[in-house]
Amino acid sequence: LWGAVPTVTRPGAASHQRVTSSILVHQGLSELVSRGSSDLVDLSLEVLRAEDKRGKLRSTLFDSARSGFDVESWGSSFFGVIRIAVDLMAIERGSTGKRYHIIKS
Protein backbone atom coordinates (compact mmCIF):
# COMPACT_ATOMS: atom_id res chain seq x y z
CA LEU A 1 0.00 0.00 0.00
CA TRP A 2 2.76 2.45 0.86
CA GLY A 3 4.23 1.79 -2.59
CA ALA A 4 0.94 3.05 -4.10
CA VAL A 5 0.11 -0.35 -5.59
CA PRO A 6 -3.68 -0.87 -5.74
CA THR A 7 -4.51 -3.84 -3.54
CA VAL A 8 -7.72 -5.83 -3.29
CA THR A 9 -8.39 -7.62 -0.02
CA ARG A 10 -10.99 -9.47 2.01
CA PRO A 11 -11.14 -9.10 5.80
CA GLY A 12 -10.92 -12.29 7.82
CA ALA A 13 -11.59 -13.30 11.41
CA ALA A 14 -8.06 -12.74 12.77
CA SER A 15 -6.72 -9.24 13.37
CA HIS A 16 -3.79 -9.67 10.95
CA GLN A 17 -6.33 -10.51 8.24
CA ARG A 18 -8.11 -7.17 8.73
CA VAL A 19 -5.16 -4.78 8.62
CA THR A 20 -5.14 -4.12 4.87
CA SER A 21 -8.93 -3.77 4.84
CA SER A 22 -8.75 -1.28 7.67
CA ILE A 23 -6.12 0.82 5.95
CA LEU A 24 -8.03 0.85 2.66
CA VAL A 25 -11.31 1.85 4.34
CA HIS A 26 -9.49 4.58 6.27
CA GLN A 27 -7.99 5.93 3.04
CA GLY A 28 -11.44 6.14 1.43
CA LEU A 29 -10.85 3.10 -0.78
CA SER A 30 -13.49 0.75 0.59
CA GLU A 31 -14.31 -0.25 -3.00
CA LEU A 32 -11.13 -2.37 -2.83
CA VAL A 33 -12.42 -4.41 0.13
CA SER A 34 -14.36 -7.46 -1.04
CA ARG A 35 -17.34 -8.92 0.78
CA GLY A 36 -16.70 -12.56 -0.08
CA SER A 37 -14.55 -15.03 -2.00
CA SER A 38 -16.35 -14.67 -5.34
CA ASP A 39 -16.46 -10.89 -4.92
CA LEU A 40 -12.69 -10.90 -4.37
CA VAL A 41 -12.07 -12.49 -7.78
CA ASP A 42 -14.53 -10.15 -9.54
CA LEU A 43 -13.07 -7.10 -7.84
CA SER A 44 -9.51 -8.13 -8.69
CA LEU A 45 -10.41 -8.57 -12.36
CA GLU A 46 -12.18 -5.21 -12.40
CA VAL A 47 -9.10 -3.42 -11.04
CA LEU A 48 -6.80 -5.26 -13.47
CA ARG A 49 -8.92 -4.36 -16.49
CA ALA A 50 -9.58 -0.69 -15.65
CA GLU A 51 -6.32 1.15 -16.34
CA ASP A 52 -7.83 4.60 -15.67
CA LYS A 53 -9.23 3.41 -12.33
CA ARG A 54 -5.85 1.94 -11.34
CA GLY A 55 -4.22 5.29 -12.04
CA LYS A 56 -6.68 7.09 -9.78
CA LEU A 57 -6.21 4.47 -7.07
CA ARG A 58 -2.42 4.79 -7.28
CA SER A 59 -2.70 8.58 -6.92
CA THR A 60 -4.97 8.25 -3.89
CA LEU A 61 -2.65 5.71 -2.25
CA PHE A 62 0.42 7.84 -3.00
CA ASP A 63 -1.19 10.97 -1.56
CA SER A 64 -2.29 9.04 1.52
CA ALA A 65 1.20 7.65 2.12
CA ARG A 66 2.68 11.16 1.91
CA SER A 67 0.12 12.79 4.19
CA GLY A 68 0.96 10.85 7.34
CA PHE A 69 -1.21 8.77 9.62
CA ASP A 70 -4.21 9.90 11.70
CA VAL A 71 -4.60 7.38 14.53
CA GLU A 72 -8.06 8.54 15.65
CA SER A 73 -9.54 8.36 12.18
CA TRP A 74 -7.87 4.99 11.55
CA GLY A 75 -9.36 3.60 14.77
CA SER A 76 -12.85 4.57 13.64
CA SER A 77 -12.30 2.96 10.23
CA PHE A 78 -10.84 -0.17 11.83
CA PHE A 79 -14.02 -0.59 13.87
CA GLY A 80 -16.00 -0.60 10.61
CA VAL A 81 -13.76 -3.32 9.19
CA ILE A 82 -14.33 -5.44 12.30
CA ARG A 83 -18.08 -5.13 11.72
CA ILE A 84 -17.61 -6.34 8.13
CA ALA A 85 -15.58 -9.34 9.35
CA VAL A 86 -18.26 -10.22 11.91
CA ASP A 87 -20.92 -9.99 9.19
CA LEU A 88 -18.87 -12.30 6.96
CA MET A 89 -18.48 -14.86 9.72
CA ALA A 90 -22.22 -14.74 10.44
CA ILE A 91 -23.05 -15.26 6.77
CA GLU A 92 -20.61 -18.16 6.47
CA ARG A 93 -22.15 -19.79 9.54
CA GLY A 94 -25.68 -19.29 8.21
CA SER A 95 -26.78 -16.77 10.85
CA THR A 96 -29.84 -14.66 10.06
CA GLY A 97 -29.15 -12.02 12.71
CA LYS A 98 -28.57 -8.29 12.25
CA ARG A 99 -25.95 -7.28 9.69
CA TYR A 100 -24.27 -3.91 9.45
CA HIS A 101 -22.65 -3.95 6.00
CA ILE A 102 -23.70 -6.95 3.97
CA ILE A 103 -27.00 -7.63 2.27
CA LYS A 104 -27.52 -11.23 1.34
CA SER A 105 -30.13 -11.87 -1.33
PDB file of N, CA and C in Angstrom:
ATOM      1  N   LEU A   1       0.820  -1.203   0.000  1.00  0.00           N
ATOM      2  CA  LEU A   1       0.000   0.000   0.000  1.00  0.00           C
ATOM      3  C   LEU A   1       0.860   1.261   0.000  1.00  0.00           C
ATOM      4  N   TRP A   2       1.930   1.252   0.794  1.00  0.00           N
ATOM      5  CA  TRP A   2       2.757   2.451   0.863  1.00  0.00           C
ATOM      6  C   TRP A   2       3.520   2.672  -0.432  1.00  0.00           C
ATOM      7  N   GLY A   3       3.616   1.653  -1.275  1.00  0.00           N
ATOM      8  CA  GLY A   3       4.229   1.788  -2.588  1.00  0.00           C
ATOM      9  C   GLY A   3       3.237   2.239  -3.642  1.00  0.00           C
ATOM     10  N   ALA A   4       2.025   2.561  -3.226  1.00  0.00           N
ATOM     11  CA  ALA A   4       0.945   3.045  -4.102  1.00  0.00           C
ATOM     12  C   ALA A   4       0.520   1.997  -5.130  1.00  0.00           C
ATOM     13  N   VAL A   5       0.571   0.736  -4.726  1.00  0.00           N
ATOM     14  CA  VAL A   5       0.110  -0.346  -5.595  1.00  0.00           C
ATOM     15  C   VAL A   5      -1.316  -0.698  -5.180  1.00  0.00           C
ATOM     16  N   PRO A   6      -2.294  -0.527  -6.084  1.00  0.00           N
ATOM     17  CA  PRO A   6      -3.678  -0.870  -5.741  1.00  0.00           C
ATOM     18  C   PRO A   6      -3.777  -2.323  -5.285  1.00  0.00           C
ATOM     19  N   THR A   7      -4.419  -2.534  -4.160  1.00  0.00           N
ATOM     20  CA  THR A   7      -4.512  -3.843  -3.535  1.00  0.00           C
ATOM     21  C   THR A   7      -5.965  -4.158  -3.252  1.00  0.00           C
ATOM     22  N   VAL A   8      -6.380  -5.357  -3.590  1.00  0.00           N
ATOM     23  CA  VAL A   8      -7.721  -5.829  -3.291  1.00  0.00           C
ATOM     24  C   VAL A   8      -7.601  -6.821  -2.151  1.00  0.00           C
ATOM     25  N   THR A   9      -8.495  -6.747  -1.185  1.00  0.00           N
ATOM     26  CA  THR A   9      -8.393  -7.616  -0.019  1.00  0.00           C
ATOM     27  C   THR A   9      -9.769  -8.032   0.474  1.00  0.00           C
ATOM     28  N   ARG A  10      -9.770  -9.014   1.351  1.00  0.00           N
ATOM     29  CA  ARG A  10     -10.995  -9.468   2.013  1.00  0.00           C
ATOM     30  C   ARG A  10     -10.676  -9.627   3.493  1.00  0.00           C
ATOM     31  N   PRO A  11     -11.431  -8.967   4.371  1.00  0.00           N
ATOM     32  CA  PRO A  11     -11.140  -9.101   5.798  1.00  0.00           C
ATOM     33  C   PRO A  11     -11.471 -10.502   6.293  1.00  0.00           C
ATOM     34  N   GLY A  12     -10.684 -10.972   7.228  1.00  0.00           N
ATOM     35  CA  GLY A  12     -10.916 -12.287   7.824  1.00  0.00           C
ATOM     36  C   GLY A  12     -11.217 -12.158   9.306  1.00  0.00           C
ATOM     37  N   ALA A  13     -11.241 -13.280   9.995  1.00  0.00           N
ATOM     38  CA  ALA A  13     -11.591 -13.299  11.413  1.00  0.00           C
ATOM     39  C   ALA A  13     -10.449 -12.820  12.303  1.00  0.00           C
ATOM     40  N   ALA A  14      -9.212 -13.120  11.944  1.00  0.00           N
ATOM     41  CA  ALA A  14      -8.059 -12.745  12.767  1.00  0.00           C
ATOM     42  C   ALA A  14      -7.647 -11.294  12.499  1.00  0.00           C
ATOM     43  N   SER A  15      -7.067 -10.657  13.500  1.00  0.00           N
ATOM     44  CA  SER A  15      -6.716  -9.238  13.369  1.00  0.00           C
ATOM     45  C   SER A  15      -5.732  -8.990  12.227  1.00  0.00           C
ATOM     46  N   HIS A  16      -4.763  -9.881  12.032  1.00  0.00           N
ATOM     47  CA  HIS A  16      -3.793  -9.669  10.950  1.00  0.00           C
ATOM     48  C   HIS A  16      -4.449  -9.781   9.572  1.00  0.00           C
ATOM     49  N   GLN A  17      -5.624 -10.390   9.504  1.00  0.00           N
ATOM     50  CA  GLN A  17      -6.332 -10.505   8.238  1.00  0.00           C
ATOM     51  C   GLN A  17      -7.179  -9.260   7.939  1.00  0.00           C
ATOM     52  N   ARG A  18      -7.293  -8.372   8.905  1.00  0.00           N
ATOM     53  CA  ARG A  18      -8.112  -7.169   8.726  1.00  0.00           C
ATOM     54  C   ARG A  18      -7.295  -5.900   8.545  1.00  0.00           C
ATOM     55  N   VAL A  19      -5.989  -5.985   8.654  1.00  0.00           N
ATOM     56  CA  VAL A  19      -5.155  -4.784   8.618  1.00  0.00           C
ATOM     57  C   VAL A  19      -5.268  -4.053   7.282  1.00  0.00           C
ATOM     58  N   THR A  20      -5.075  -4.767   6.172  1.00  0.00           N
ATOM     59  CA  THR A  20      -5.138  -4.115   4.867  1.00  0.00           C
ATOM     60  C   THR A  20      -6.519  -3.523   4.619  1.00  0.00           C
ATOM     61  N   SER A  21      -7.565  -4.277   5.008  1.00  0.00           N
ATOM     62  CA  SER A  21      -8.933  -3.767   4.842  1.00  0.00           C
ATOM     63  C   SER A  21      -9.118  -2.477   5.618  1.00  0.00           C
ATOM     64  N   SER A  22      -8.618  -2.460   6.832  1.00  0.00           N
ATOM     65  CA  SER A  22      -8.754  -1.284   7.674  1.00  0.00           C
ATOM     66  C   SER A  22      -8.056  -0.069   7.058  1.00  0.00           C
ATOM     67  N   ILE A  23      -6.865  -0.285   6.556  1.00  0.00           N
ATOM     68  CA  ILE A  23      -6.120   0.824   5.949  1.00  0.00           C
ATOM     69  C   ILE A  23      -6.846   1.337   4.710  1.00  0.00           C
ATOM     70  N   LEU A  24      -7.329   0.431   3.874  1.00  0.00           N
ATOM     71  CA  LEU A  24      -8.035   0.847   2.657  1.00  0.00           C
ATOM     72  C   LEU A  24      -9.310   1.622   2.983  1.00  0.00           C
ATOM     73  N   VAL A  25     -10.083   1.145   3.945  1.00  0.00           N
ATOM     74  CA  VAL A  25     -11.308   1.849   4.337  1.00  0.00           C
ATOM     75  C   VAL A  25     -10.952   3.233   4.876  1.00  0.00           C
ATOM     76  N   HIS A  26      -9.924   3.305   5.694  1.00  0.00           N
ATOM     77  CA  HIS A  26      -9.491   4.578   6.267  1.00  0.00           C
ATOM     78  C   HIS A  26      -9.068   5.567   5.178  1.00  0.00           C
ATOM     79  N   GLN A  27      -8.457   5.069   4.110  1.00  0.00           N
ATOM     80  CA  GLN A  27      -7.993   5.933   3.037  1.00  0.00           C
ATOM     81  C   GLN A  27      -9.097   6.281   2.034  1.00  0.00           C
ATOM     82  N   GLY A  28     -10.332   5.845   2.321  1.00  0.00           N
ATOM     83  CA  GLY A  28     -11.439   6.142   1.433  1.00  0.00           C
ATOM     84  C   GLY A  28     -11.499   5.221   0.224  1.00  0.00           C
ATOM     85  N   LEU A  29     -10.890   4.048   0.335  1.00  0.00           N
ATOM     86  CA  LEU A  29     -10.846   3.099  -0.777  1.00  0.00           C
ATOM     87  C   LEU A  29     -11.576   1.809  -0.442  1.00  0.00           C
ATOM     88  N   SER A  30     -12.726   1.938   0.186  1.00  0.00           N
ATOM     89  CA  SER A  30     -13.486   0.752   0.587  1.00  0.00           C
ATOM     90  C   SER A  30     -13.942  -0.071  -0.616  1.00  0.00           C
ATOM     91  N   GLU A  31     -13.938   0.523  -1.815  1.00  0.00           N
ATOM     92  CA  GLU A  31     -14.314  -0.253  -2.999  1.00  0.00           C
ATOM     93  C   GLU A  31     -13.296  -1.348  -3.307  1.00  0.00           C
ATOM     94  N   LEU A  32     -12.136  -1.329  -2.645  1.00  0.00           N
ATOM     95  CA  LEU A  32     -11.126  -2.374  -2.832  1.00  0.00           C
ATOM     96  C   LEU A  32     -11.226  -3.480  -1.788  1.00  0.00           C
ATOM     97  N   VAL A  33     -12.208  -3.379  -0.901  1.00  0.00           N
ATOM     98  CA  VAL A  33     -12.421  -4.406   0.128  1.00  0.00           C
ATOM     99  C   VAL A  33     -13.584  -5.276  -0.320  1.00  0.00           C
ATOM    100  N   SER A  34     -13.313  -6.561  -0.561  1.00  0.00           N
ATOM    101  CA  SER A  34     -14.359  -7.460  -1.045  1.00  0.00           C
ATOM    102  C   SER A  34     -15.220  -7.937   0.119  1.00  0.00           C
ATOM    103  N   ARG A  35     -16.389  -8.443  -0.223  1.00  0.00           N
ATOM    104  CA  ARG A  35     -17.339  -8.921   0.782  1.00  0.00           C
ATOM    105  C   ARG A  35     -17.441 -10.451   0.810  1.00  0.00           C
ATOM    106  N   GLY A  36     -16.661 -11.113  -0.043  1.00  0.00           N
ATOM    107  CA  GLY A  36     -16.703 -12.565  -0.083  1.00  0.00           C
ATOM    108  C   GLY A  36     -15.695 -13.094  -1.080  1.00  0.00           C
ATOM    109  N   SER A  37     -15.545 -14.417  -1.133  1.00  0.00           N
ATOM    110  CA  SER A  37     -14.549 -15.033  -2.001  1.00  0.00           C
ATOM    111  C   SER A  37     -14.814 -14.758  -3.475  1.00  0.00           C
ATOM    112  N   SER A  38     -16.059 -14.918  -3.926  1.00  0.00           N
ATOM    113  CA  SER A  38     -16.350 -14.673  -5.343  1.00  0.00           C
ATOM    114  C   SER A  38     -16.219 -13.192  -5.665  1.00  0.00           C
ATOM    115  N   ASP A  39     -16.594 -12.339  -4.737  1.00  0.00           N
ATOM    116  CA  ASP A  39     -16.459 -10.894  -4.921  1.00  0.00           C
ATOM    117  C   ASP A  39     -14.989 -10.506  -5.039  1.00  0.00           C
ATOM    118  N   LEU A  40     -14.117 -11.193  -4.330  1.00  0.00           N
ATOM    119  CA  LEU A  40     -12.686 -10.903  -4.367  1.00  0.00           C
ATOM    120  C   LEU A  40     -12.134 -11.118  -5.776  1.00  0.00           C
ATOM    121  N   VAL A  41     -12.519 -12.202  -6.410  1.00  0.00           N
ATOM    122  CA  VAL A  41     -12.066 -12.486  -7.775  1.00  0.00           C
ATOM    123  C   VAL A  41     -12.615 -11.431  -8.737  1.00  0.00           C
ATOM    124  N   ASP A  42     -13.913 -11.139  -8.653  1.00  0.00           N
ATOM    125  CA  ASP A  42     -14.529 -10.152  -9.544  1.00  0.00           C
ATOM    126  C   ASP A  42     -13.894  -8.777  -9.376  1.00  0.00           C
ATOM    127  N   LEU A  43     -13.666  -8.397  -8.132  1.00  0.00           N
ATOM    128  CA  LEU A  43     -13.070  -7.097  -7.835  1.00  0.00           C
ATOM    129  C   LEU A  43     -11.638  -7.024  -8.364  1.00  0.00           C
ATOM    130  N   SER A  44     -10.890  -8.091  -8.194  1.00  0.00           N
ATOM    131  CA  SER A  44      -9.509  -8.134  -8.693  1.00  0.00           C
ATOM    132  C   SER A  44      -9.473  -7.969 -10.207  1.00  0.00           C
ATOM    133  N   LEU A  45     -10.347  -8.674 -10.900  1.00  0.00           N
ATOM    134  CA  LEU A  45     -10.405  -8.567 -12.356  1.00  0.00           C
ATOM    135  C   LEU A  45     -10.812  -7.167 -12.797  1.00  0.00           C
ATOM    136  N   GLU A  46     -11.731  -6.569 -12.071  1.00  0.00           N
ATOM    137  CA  GLU A  46     -12.177  -5.209 -12.400  1.00  0.00           C
ATOM    138  C   GLU A  46     -11.021  -4.220 -12.299  1.00  0.00           C
ATOM    139  N   VAL A  47     -10.234  -4.329 -11.228  1.00  0.00           N
ATOM    140  CA  VAL A  47      -9.098  -3.419 -11.042  1.00  0.00           C
ATOM    141  C   VAL A  47      -8.032  -3.669 -12.109  1.00  0.00           C
ATOM    142  N   LEU A  48      -7.794  -4.939 -12.440  1.00  0.00           N
ATOM    143  CA  LEU A  48      -6.798  -5.264 -13.466  1.00  0.00           C
ATOM    144  C   LEU A  48      -7.183  -4.721 -14.841  1.00  0.00           C
ATOM    145  N   ARG A  49      -8.452  -4.749 -15.153  1.00  0.00           N
ATOM    146  CA  ARG A  49      -8.919  -4.355 -16.489  1.00  0.00           C
ATOM    147  C   ARG A  49      -9.094  -2.846 -16.660  1.00  0.00           C
ATOM    148  N   ALA A  50      -9.269  -2.127 -15.574  1.00  0.00           N
ATOM    149  CA  ALA A  50      -9.580  -0.693 -15.653  1.00  0.00           C
ATOM    150  C   ALA A  50      -8.327   0.146 -15.404  1.00  0.00           C
ATOM    151  N   GLU A  51      -7.586   0.420 -16.470  1.00  0.00           N
ATOM    152  CA  GLU A  51      -6.323   1.149 -16.340  1.00  0.00           C
ATOM    153  C   GLU A  51      -6.519   2.547 -15.759  1.00  0.00           C
ATOM    154  N   ASP A  52      -7.574   3.256 -16.187  1.00  0.00           N
ATOM    155  CA  ASP A  52      -7.830   4.598 -15.673  1.00  0.00           C
ATOM    156  C   ASP A  52      -8.146   4.558 -14.178  1.00  0.00           C
ATOM    157  N   LYS A  53      -8.902   3.552 -13.749  1.00  0.00           N
ATOM    158  CA  LYS A  53      -9.235   3.407 -12.328  1.00  0.00           C
ATOM    159  C   LYS A  53      -7.976   3.107 -11.514  1.00  0.00           C
ATOM    160  N   ARG A  54      -7.100   2.251 -12.044  1.00  0.00           N
ATOM    161  CA  ARG A  54      -5.847   1.938 -11.342  1.00  0.00           C
ATOM    162  C   ARG A  54      -5.008   3.188 -11.146  1.00  0.00           C
ATOM    163  N   GLY A  55      -4.986   4.049 -12.163  1.00  0.00           N
ATOM    164  CA  GLY A  55      -4.217   5.290 -12.043  1.00  0.00           C
ATOM    165  C   GLY A  55      -4.749   6.177 -10.938  1.00  0.00           C
ATOM    166  N   LYS A  56      -6.068   6.287 -10.848  1.00  0.00           N
ATOM    167  CA  LYS A  56      -6.679   7.095  -9.784  1.00  0.00           C
ATOM    168  C   LYS A  56      -6.398   6.477  -8.414  1.00  0.00           C
ATOM    169  N   LEU A  57      -6.479   5.156  -8.335  1.00  0.00           N
ATOM    170  CA  LEU A  57      -6.206   4.473  -7.066  1.00  0.00           C
ATOM    171  C   LEU A  57      -4.757   4.685  -6.643  1.00  0.00           C
ATOM    172  N   ARG A  58      -3.834   4.571  -7.595  1.00  0.00           N
ATOM    173  CA  ARG A  58      -2.416   4.795  -7.278  1.00  0.00           C
ATOM    174  C   ARG A  58      -2.194   6.215  -6.745  1.00  0.00           C
ATOM    175  N   SER A  59      -2.843   7.187  -7.370  1.00  0.00           N
ATOM    176  CA  SER A  59      -2.703   8.582  -6.919  1.00  0.00           C
ATOM    177  C   SER A  59      -3.223   8.748  -5.499  1.00  0.00           C
ATOM    178  N   THR A  60      -4.393   8.163  -5.231  1.00  0.00           N
ATOM    179  CA  THR A  60      -4.974   8.247  -3.887  1.00  0.00           C
ATOM    180  C   THR A  60      -4.058   7.600  -2.863  1.00  0.00           C
ATOM    181  N   LEU A  61      -3.550   6.409  -3.175  1.00  0.00           N
ATOM    182  CA  LEU A  61      -2.648   5.711  -2.253  1.00  0.00           C
ATOM    183  C   LEU A  61      -1.358   6.498  -2.039  1.00  0.00           C
ATOM    184  N   PHE A  62      -0.810   7.064  -3.113  1.00  0.00           N
ATOM    185  CA  PHE A  62       0.423   7.839  -3.004  1.00  0.00           C
ATOM    186  C   PHE A  62       0.211   9.069  -2.130  1.00  0.00           C
ATOM    187  N   ASP A  63      -0.885   9.789  -2.365  1.00  0.00           N
ATOM    188  CA  ASP A  63      -1.188  10.974  -1.558  1.00  0.00           C
ATOM    189  C   ASP A  63      -1.388  10.609  -0.097  1.00  0.00           C
ATOM    190  N   SER A  64      -2.055   9.490   0.149  1.00  0.00           N
ATOM    191  CA  SER A  64      -2.290   9.041   1.521  1.00  0.00           C
ATOM    192  C   SER A  64      -0.984   8.698   2.228  1.00  0.00           C
ATOM    193  N   ALA A  65      -0.081   8.037   1.522  1.00  0.00           N
ATOM    194  CA  ALA A  65       1.201   7.649   2.118  1.00  0.00           C
ATOM    195  C   ALA A  65       2.019   8.884   2.470  1.00  0.00           C
ATOM    196  N   ARG A  66       1.926   9.935   1.656  1.00  0.00           N
ATOM    197  CA  ARG A  66       2.681  11.163   1.910  1.00  0.00           C
ATOM    198  C   ARG A  66       2.085  12.006   3.017  1.00  0.00           C
ATOM    199  N   SER A  67       0.786  11.876   3.258  1.00  0.00           N
ATOM    200  CA  SER A  67       0.117  12.787   4.187  1.00  0.00           C
ATOM    201  C   SER A  67       0.282  12.414   5.657  1.00  0.00           C
ATOM    202  N   GLY A  68       0.806  11.255   5.952  1.00  0.00           N
ATOM    203  CA  GLY A  68       0.961  10.849   7.342  1.00  0.00           C
ATOM    204  C   GLY A  68      -0.160   9.948   7.783  1.00  0.00           C
ATOM    205  N   PHE A  69      -0.276   9.755   9.089  1.00  0.00           N
ATOM    206  CA  PHE A  69      -1.206   8.774   9.618  1.00  0.00           C
ATOM    207  C   PHE A  69      -1.995   9.373  10.772  1.00  0.00           C
ATOM    208  N   ASP A  70      -3.312   9.366  10.682  1.00  0.00           N
ATOM    209  CA  ASP A  70      -4.208   9.897  11.696  1.00  0.00           C
ATOM    210  C   ASP A  70      -4.767   8.733  12.518  1.00  0.00           C
ATOM    211  N   VAL A  71      -4.248   8.532  13.706  1.00  0.00           N
ATOM    212  CA  VAL A  71      -4.595   7.380  14.534  1.00  0.00           C
ATOM    213  C   VAL A  71      -6.080   7.364  14.886  1.00  0.00           C
ATOM    214  N   GLU A  72      -6.652   8.496  15.256  1.00  0.00           N
ATOM    215  CA  GLU A  72      -8.061   8.543  15.654  1.00  0.00           C
ATOM    216  C   GLU A  72      -8.987   8.145  14.502  1.00  0.00           C
ATOM    217  N   SER A  73      -8.724   8.690  13.341  1.00  0.00           N
ATOM    218  CA  SER A  73      -9.540   8.356  12.179  1.00  0.00           C
ATOM    219  C   SER A  73      -9.358   6.891  11.790  1.00  0.00           C
ATOM    220  N   TRP A  74      -8.130   6.386  11.868  1.00  0.00           N
ATOM    221  CA  TRP A  74      -7.866   4.988  11.550  1.00  0.00           C
ATOM    222  C   TRP A  74      -8.627   4.072  12.504  1.00  0.00           C
ATOM    223  N   GLY A  75      -8.653   4.414  13.785  1.00  0.00           N
ATOM    224  CA  GLY A  75      -9.365   3.601  14.768  1.00  0.00           C
ATOM    225  C   GLY A  75     -10.845   3.488  14.438  1.00  0.00           C
ATOM    226  N   SER A  76     -11.446   4.578  14.023  1.00  0.00           N
ATOM    227  CA  SER A  76     -12.846   4.569  13.640  1.00  0.00           C
ATOM    228  C   SER A  76     -13.067   3.687  12.413  1.00  0.00           C
ATOM    229  N   SER A  77     -12.200   3.791  11.432  1.00  0.00           N
ATOM    230  CA  SER A  77     -12.299   2.959  10.227  1.00  0.00           C
ATOM    231  C   SER A  77     -12.083   1.490  10.566  1.00  0.00           C
ATOM    232  N   PHE A  78     -11.143   1.212  11.459  1.00  0.00           N
ATOM    233  CA  PHE A  78     -10.843  -0.167  11.833  1.00  0.00           C
ATOM    234  C   PHE A  78     -12.065  -0.826  12.468  1.00  0.00           C
ATOM    235  N   PHE A  79     -12.799  -0.069  13.265  1.00  0.00           N
ATOM    236  CA  PHE A  79     -14.020  -0.595  13.869  1.00  0.00           C
ATOM    237  C   PHE A  79     -15.012  -1.027  12.785  1.00  0.00           C
ATOM    238  N   GLY A  80     -15.121  -0.244  11.722  1.00  0.00           N
ATOM    239  CA  GLY A  80     -16.000  -0.599  10.613  1.00  0.00           C
ATOM    240  C   GLY A  80     -15.575  -1.887   9.939  1.00  0.00           C
ATOM    241  N   VAL A  81     -14.268  -2.094   9.800  1.00  0.00           N
ATOM    242  CA  VAL A  81     -13.761  -3.323   9.193  1.00  0.00           C
ATOM    243  C   VAL A  81     -14.066  -4.523  10.077  1.00  0.00           C
ATOM    244  N   ILE A  82     -13.993  -4.346  11.384  1.00  0.00           N
ATOM    245  CA  ILE A  82     -14.330  -5.442  12.296  1.00  0.00           C
ATOM    246  C   ILE A  82     -15.795  -5.830  12.114  1.00  0.00           C
ATOM    247  N   ARG A  83     -16.652  -4.838  11.961  1.00  0.00           N
ATOM    248  CA  ARG A  83     -18.081  -5.133  11.718  1.00  0.00           C
ATOM    249  C   ARG A  83     -18.261  -5.942  10.436  1.00  0.00           C
ATOM    250  N   ILE A  84     -17.530  -5.593   9.392  1.00  0.00           N
ATOM    251  CA  ILE A  84     -17.608  -6.336   8.134  1.00  0.00           C
ATOM    252  C   ILE A  84     -17.171  -7.778   8.359  1.00  0.00           C
ATOM    253  N   ALA A  85     -16.077  -7.977   9.088  1.00  0.00           N
ATOM    254  CA  ALA A  85     -15.580  -9.336   9.347  1.00  0.00           C
ATOM    255  C   ALA A  85     -16.597 -10.150  10.145  1.00  0.00           C
ATOM    256  N   VAL A  86     -17.232  -9.524  11.124  1.00  0.00           N
ATOM    257  CA  VAL A  86     -18.263 -10.216  11.914  1.00  0.00           C
ATOM    258  C   VAL A  86     -19.437 -10.597  11.026  1.00  0.00           C
ATOM    259  N   ASP A  87     -19.837  -9.690  10.136  1.00  0.00           N
ATOM    260  CA  ASP A  87     -20.918  -9.989   9.194  1.00  0.00           C
ATOM    261  C   ASP A  87     -20.551 -11.172   8.302  1.00  0.00           C
ATOM    262  N   LEU A  88     -19.307 -11.191   7.812  1.00  0.00           N
ATOM    263  CA  LEU A  88     -18.868 -12.296   6.961  1.00  0.00           C
ATOM    264  C   LEU A  88     -18.914 -13.624   7.702  1.00  0.00           C
ATOM    265  N   MET A  89     -18.450 -13.621   8.926  1.00  0.00           N
ATOM    266  CA  MET A  89     -18.481 -14.860   9.719  1.00  0.00           C
ATOM    267  C   MET A  89     -19.917 -15.316   9.940  1.00  0.00           C
ATOM    268  N   ALA A  90     -20.817 -14.387  10.219  1.00  0.00           N
ATOM    269  CA  ALA A  90     -22.221 -14.740  10.435  1.00  0.00           C
ATOM    270  C   ALA A  90     -22.837 -15.334   9.177  1.00  0.00           C
ATOM    271  N   ILE A  91     -22.526 -14.744   8.038  1.00  0.00           N
ATOM    272  CA  ILE A  91     -23.052 -15.265   6.773  1.00  0.00           C
ATOM    273  C   ILE A  91     -22.513 -16.664   6.509  1.00  0.00           C
ATOM    274  N   GLU A  92     -21.217 -16.851   6.713  1.00  0.00           N
ATOM    275  CA  GLU A  92     -20.610 -18.159   6.472  1.00  0.00           C
ATOM    276  C   GLU A  92     -21.148 -19.222   7.414  1.00  0.00           C
ATOM    277  N   ARG A  93     -21.588 -18.824   8.577  1.00  0.00           N
ATOM    278  CA  ARG A  93     -22.150 -19.785   9.545  1.00  0.00           C
ATOM    279  C   ARG A  93     -23.659 -19.935   9.392  1.00  0.00           C
ATOM    280  N   GLY A  94     -24.252 -19.176   8.467  1.00  0.00           N
ATOM    281  CA  GLY A  94     -25.682 -19.288   8.210  1.00  0.00           C
ATOM    282  C   GLY A  94     -26.566 -18.506   9.161  1.00  0.00           C
ATOM    283  N   SER A  95     -25.999 -17.570   9.907  1.00  0.00           N
ATOM    284  CA  SER A  95     -26.780 -16.767  10.847  1.00  0.00           C
ATOM    285  C   SER A  95     -27.712 -15.825  10.102  1.00  0.00           C
ATOM    286  N   THR A  96     -28.885 -15.596  10.660  1.00  0.00           N
ATOM    287  CA  THR A  96     -29.836 -14.665  10.060  1.00  0.00           C
ATOM    288  C   THR A  96     -30.003 -13.411  10.911  1.00  0.00           C
ATOM    289  N   GLY A  97     -29.064 -13.178  11.815  1.00  0.00           N
ATOM    290  CA  GLY A  97     -29.147 -12.021  12.706  1.00  0.00           C
ATOM    291  C   GLY A  97     -28.864 -10.709  11.997  1.00  0.00           C
ATOM    292  N   LYS A  98     -28.792  -9.636  12.778  1.00  0.00           N
ATOM    293  CA  LYS A  98     -28.572  -8.289  12.252  1.00  0.00           C
ATOM    294  C   LYS A  98     -27.204  -8.183  11.572  1.00  0.00           C
ATOM    295  N   ARG A  99     -27.195  -7.514  10.420  1.00  0.00           N
ATOM    296  CA  ARG A  99     -25.946  -7.280   9.694  1.00  0.00           C
ATOM    297  C   ARG A  99     -25.777  -5.777   9.496  1.00  0.00           C
ATOM    298  N   TYR A 100     -24.557  -5.342   9.560  1.00  0.00           N
ATOM    299  CA  TYR A 100     -24.273  -3.912   9.450  1.00  0.00           C
ATOM    300  C   TYR A 100     -23.901  -3.490   8.028  1.00  0.00           C
ATOM    301  N   HIS A 101     -23.208  -4.357   7.284  1.00  0.00           N
ATOM    302  CA  HIS A 101     -22.649  -3.946   6.000  1.00  0.00           C
ATOM    303  C   HIS A 101     -23.036  -4.821   4.821  1.00  0.00           C
ATOM    304  N   ILE A 102     -23.538  -5.997   5.057  1.00  0.00           N
ATOM    305  CA  ILE A 102     -23.701  -6.948   3.969  1.00  0.00           C
ATOM    306  C   ILE A 102     -25.171  -7.300   3.809  1.00  0.00           C
ATOM    307  N   ILE A 103     -25.617  -7.235   2.576  1.00  0.00           N
ATOM    308  CA  ILE A 103     -26.998  -7.626   2.271  1.00  0.00           C
ATOM    309  C   ILE A 103     -26.920  -8.927   1.486  1.00  0.00           C
ATOM    310  N   LYS A 104     -27.533  -9.929   1.999  1.00  0.00           N
ATOM    311  CA  LYS A 104     -27.519 -11.225   1.341  1.00  0.00           C
ATOM    312  C   LYS A 104     -28.868 -11.448   0.694  1.00  0.00           C
ATOM    313  N   SER A 105     -28.851 -11.671  -0.629  1.00  0.00           N
ATOM    314  CA  SER A 105     -30.125 -11.869  -1.325  1.00  0.00           C
ATOM    315  C   SER A 105     -30.350 -13.341  -1.644  1.00  0.00           C
TER     316      SER A 105
END
